[in-house]
Amino acid sequence: MLQARHKFILVGPGRWGTRVPSLGIPVNWQQVAGAAVILETAAAGRRLDPSQGAHFFHNLAATGIGYFSIPATDSENFVNWSILEQQTPLFDDGQVRHVRLEQPLTIYMDALHQQGAIARQHHKNEAHA
């Protein structure tokens, strides 16, 4: 995706870029540098603190990559997993699942108020879900 210059959203449990696999996803900067947004979600059965590395956040800010952390799910903080699970994967090895949506997503971020959303675009004839 980097070579094709496709922006993407990374969603996964725990900390992205950790060196400790039990805390999240051990990737290096080159593997995530093309993302539009990185989203850290709750890890099943574990309460983990979100990423805190200064270099990590400096790299995100310097490259314009958005960052969301959803350490616990509630009515205002969640990932709609069913939309992602309904997609036919382009790749799925049991640990990494790559899907491509038919319509682009819109990313809203308000760092001042620490709020944001990633939303599907709706067509004029489509009912809002």
Protein backbone atom coordinates (compact mmCIF):
# COMPACT_ATOMS: atom_id res chain seq x y z
CA MET A 1 0.00 0.00 0.00
CA LEU A 2 2.94 2.31 0.60
CA GLN A 3 4.21 1.83 -2.94
CA ALA A 4 0.73 2.51 -4.35
CA ARG A 5 0.44 5.55 -2.03
CA HIS A 6 -2.84 4.31 -0.59
CA LYS A 7 -3.72 5.79 2.79
CA PHE A 8 -5.08 3.30 5.29
CA ILE A 9 -6.45 3.00 8.81
CA LEU A 10 -4.76 0.63 11.22
CA VAL A 11 -7.04 -0.82 13.91
CA GLY A 12 -5.82 -3.24 16.51
CA PRO A 13 -5.70 -4.24 20.17
CA GLY A 14 -3.15 -2.71 22.49
CA ARG A 15 -0.23 -0.47 21.64
CA TRP A 16 0.99 -0.06 18.09
CA GLY A 17 4.78 -0.20 17.87
CA THR A 18 5.40 -1.90 21.20
CA ARG A 19 8.39 -4.18 21.53
CA VAL A 20 6.39 -6.42 23.87
CA PRO A 21 3.88 -8.51 21.87
CA SER A 22 1.67 -9.11 24.93
CA LEU A 23 1.07 -5.32 25.08
CA GLY A 24 0.03 -4.86 21.47
CA ILE A 25 1.31 -4.92 17.92
CA PRO A 26 5.10 -5.00 17.42
CA VAL A 27 5.55 -3.03 14.19
CA ASN A 28 8.27 -0.63 13.17
CA TRP A 29 7.77 2.92 11.94
CA GLN A 30 8.21 2.03 8.26
CA GLN A 31 5.30 -0.42 8.51
CA VAL A 32 2.85 2.23 9.79
CA ALA A 33 4.21 5.41 8.19
CA GLY A 34 1.64 5.41 5.36
CA ALA A 35 -1.39 5.32 7.65
CA ALA A 36 -3.99 8.08 7.70
CA VAL A 37 -4.99 7.03 11.23
CA ILE A 38 -3.76 4.58 13.84
CA LEU A 39 -6.44 3.32 16.21
CA GLU A 40 -5.53 1.46 19.39
CA THR A 41 -8.41 -0.57 20.82
CA ALA A 42 -9.01 -2.49 24.01
CA ALA A 43 -7.21 -5.82 24.14
CA ALA A 44 -9.45 -8.77 24.98
CA GLY A 45 -9.41 -9.42 28.70
CA ARG A 46 -6.69 -6.87 29.43
CA ARG A 47 -6.67 -3.24 30.49
CA LEU A 48 -3.70 -1.58 28.79
CA ASP A 49 -2.54 2.00 28.88
CA PRO A 50 -2.41 3.66 25.45
CA SER A 51 0.88 4.39 23.72
CA GLN A 52 2.97 6.98 25.51
CA GLY A 53 6.26 7.08 23.65
CA ALA A 54 7.48 10.58 22.81
CA HIS A 55 9.13 9.41 19.56
CA PHE A 56 5.92 7.67 18.51
CA PHE A 57 3.80 10.81 18.97
CA HIS A 58 6.46 13.06 17.44
CA ASN A 59 6.45 10.87 14.33
CA LEU A 60 2.65 10.93 14.17
CA ALA A 61 2.51 14.72 14.51
CA ALA A 62 5.36 15.31 12.07
CA THR A 63 3.75 13.16 9.37
CA GLY A 64 0.11 14.14 9.97
CA ILE A 65 -1.04 10.68 11.01
CA GLY A 66 -4.13 10.75 13.22
CA TYR A 67 -4.24 8.79 16.46
CA PHE A 68 -7.20 7.40 18.39
CA SER A 69 -7.16 5.35 21.56
CA ILE A 70 -10.21 3.42 22.72
CA PRO A 71 -8.95 1.59 25.83
CA ALA A 72 -12.50 0.67 26.90
CA THR A 73 -15.70 0.41 24.89
CA ASP A 74 -18.84 2.34 25.84
CA SER A 75 -21.72 4.06 24.04
CA GLU A 76 -19.49 6.93 22.84
CA ASN A 77 -16.16 5.12 22.37
CA PHE A 78 -16.31 2.06 20.12
CA VAL A 79 -15.33 0.40 16.88
CA ASN A 80 -18.21 -0.88 14.76
CA TRP A 81 -16.58 -4.26 14.20
CA SER A 82 -19.58 -5.64 12.29
CA ILE A 83 -18.90 -3.31 9.34
CA LEU A 84 -15.31 -4.52 9.15
CA GLU A 85 -16.24 -8.18 9.65
CA GLN A 86 -18.79 -8.02 6.79
CA GLN A 87 -16.07 -7.07 4.30
CA THR A 88 -14.42 -9.71 2.15
CA PRO A 89 -10.76 -9.59 3.13
CA LEU A 90 -8.07 -8.96 0.55
CA PHE A 91 -5.73 -10.73 2.98
CA ASP A 92 -6.34 -12.69 6.18
CA ASP A 93 -3.79 -14.88 7.91
CA GLY A 94 -5.62 -15.15 11.23
CA GLN A 95 -3.66 -12.30 12.81
CA VAL A 96 -3.75 -9.58 10.13
CA ARG A 97 -6.92 -8.86 8.18
CA HIS A 98 -6.85 -6.38 5.29
CA VAL A 99 -10.18 -5.10 3.99
CA ARG A 100 -11.04 -2.39 1.50
CA LEU A 101 -14.35 -0.58 1.73
CA GLU A 102 -16.24 0.38 -1.43
CA GLN A 103 -16.66 3.97 -0.27
CA PRO A 104 -13.99 6.09 1.41
CA LEU A 105 -14.29 6.93 5.08
CA THR A 106 -14.33 10.43 6.51
CA ILE A 107 -12.08 11.16 9.47
CA TYR A 108 -13.07 13.84 11.95
CA MET A 109 -10.54 14.87 14.58
CA ASP A 110 -10.71 17.62 17.20
CA ALA A 111 -7.52 17.43 19.26
CA LEU A 112 -8.48 20.43 21.38
CA HIS A 113 -11.55 18.61 22.73
CA GLN A 114 -10.06 15.11 22.36
CA GLN A 115 -12.92 13.96 20.18
CA GLY A 116 -13.10 12.29 16.83
CA ALA A 117 -14.89 9.87 14.59
CA ILE A 118 -14.29 7.77 11.52
CA ALA A 119 -17.51 7.60 9.54
CA ARG A 120 -18.82 6.01 6.40
CA GLN A 121 -20.00 8.33 3.66
CA HIS A 122 -23.67 7.93 2.80
CA HIS A 123 -25.19 8.20 -0.62
CA LYS A 124 -28.25 10.39 -1.11
CA ASN A 125 -30.52 7.34 -1.49
CA GLU A 126 -29.00 5.39 1.41
CA ALA A 127 -30.67 5.40 4.80
CA HIS A 128 -28.45 6.50 7.66
CA ALA A 129 -27.48 3.65 9.97
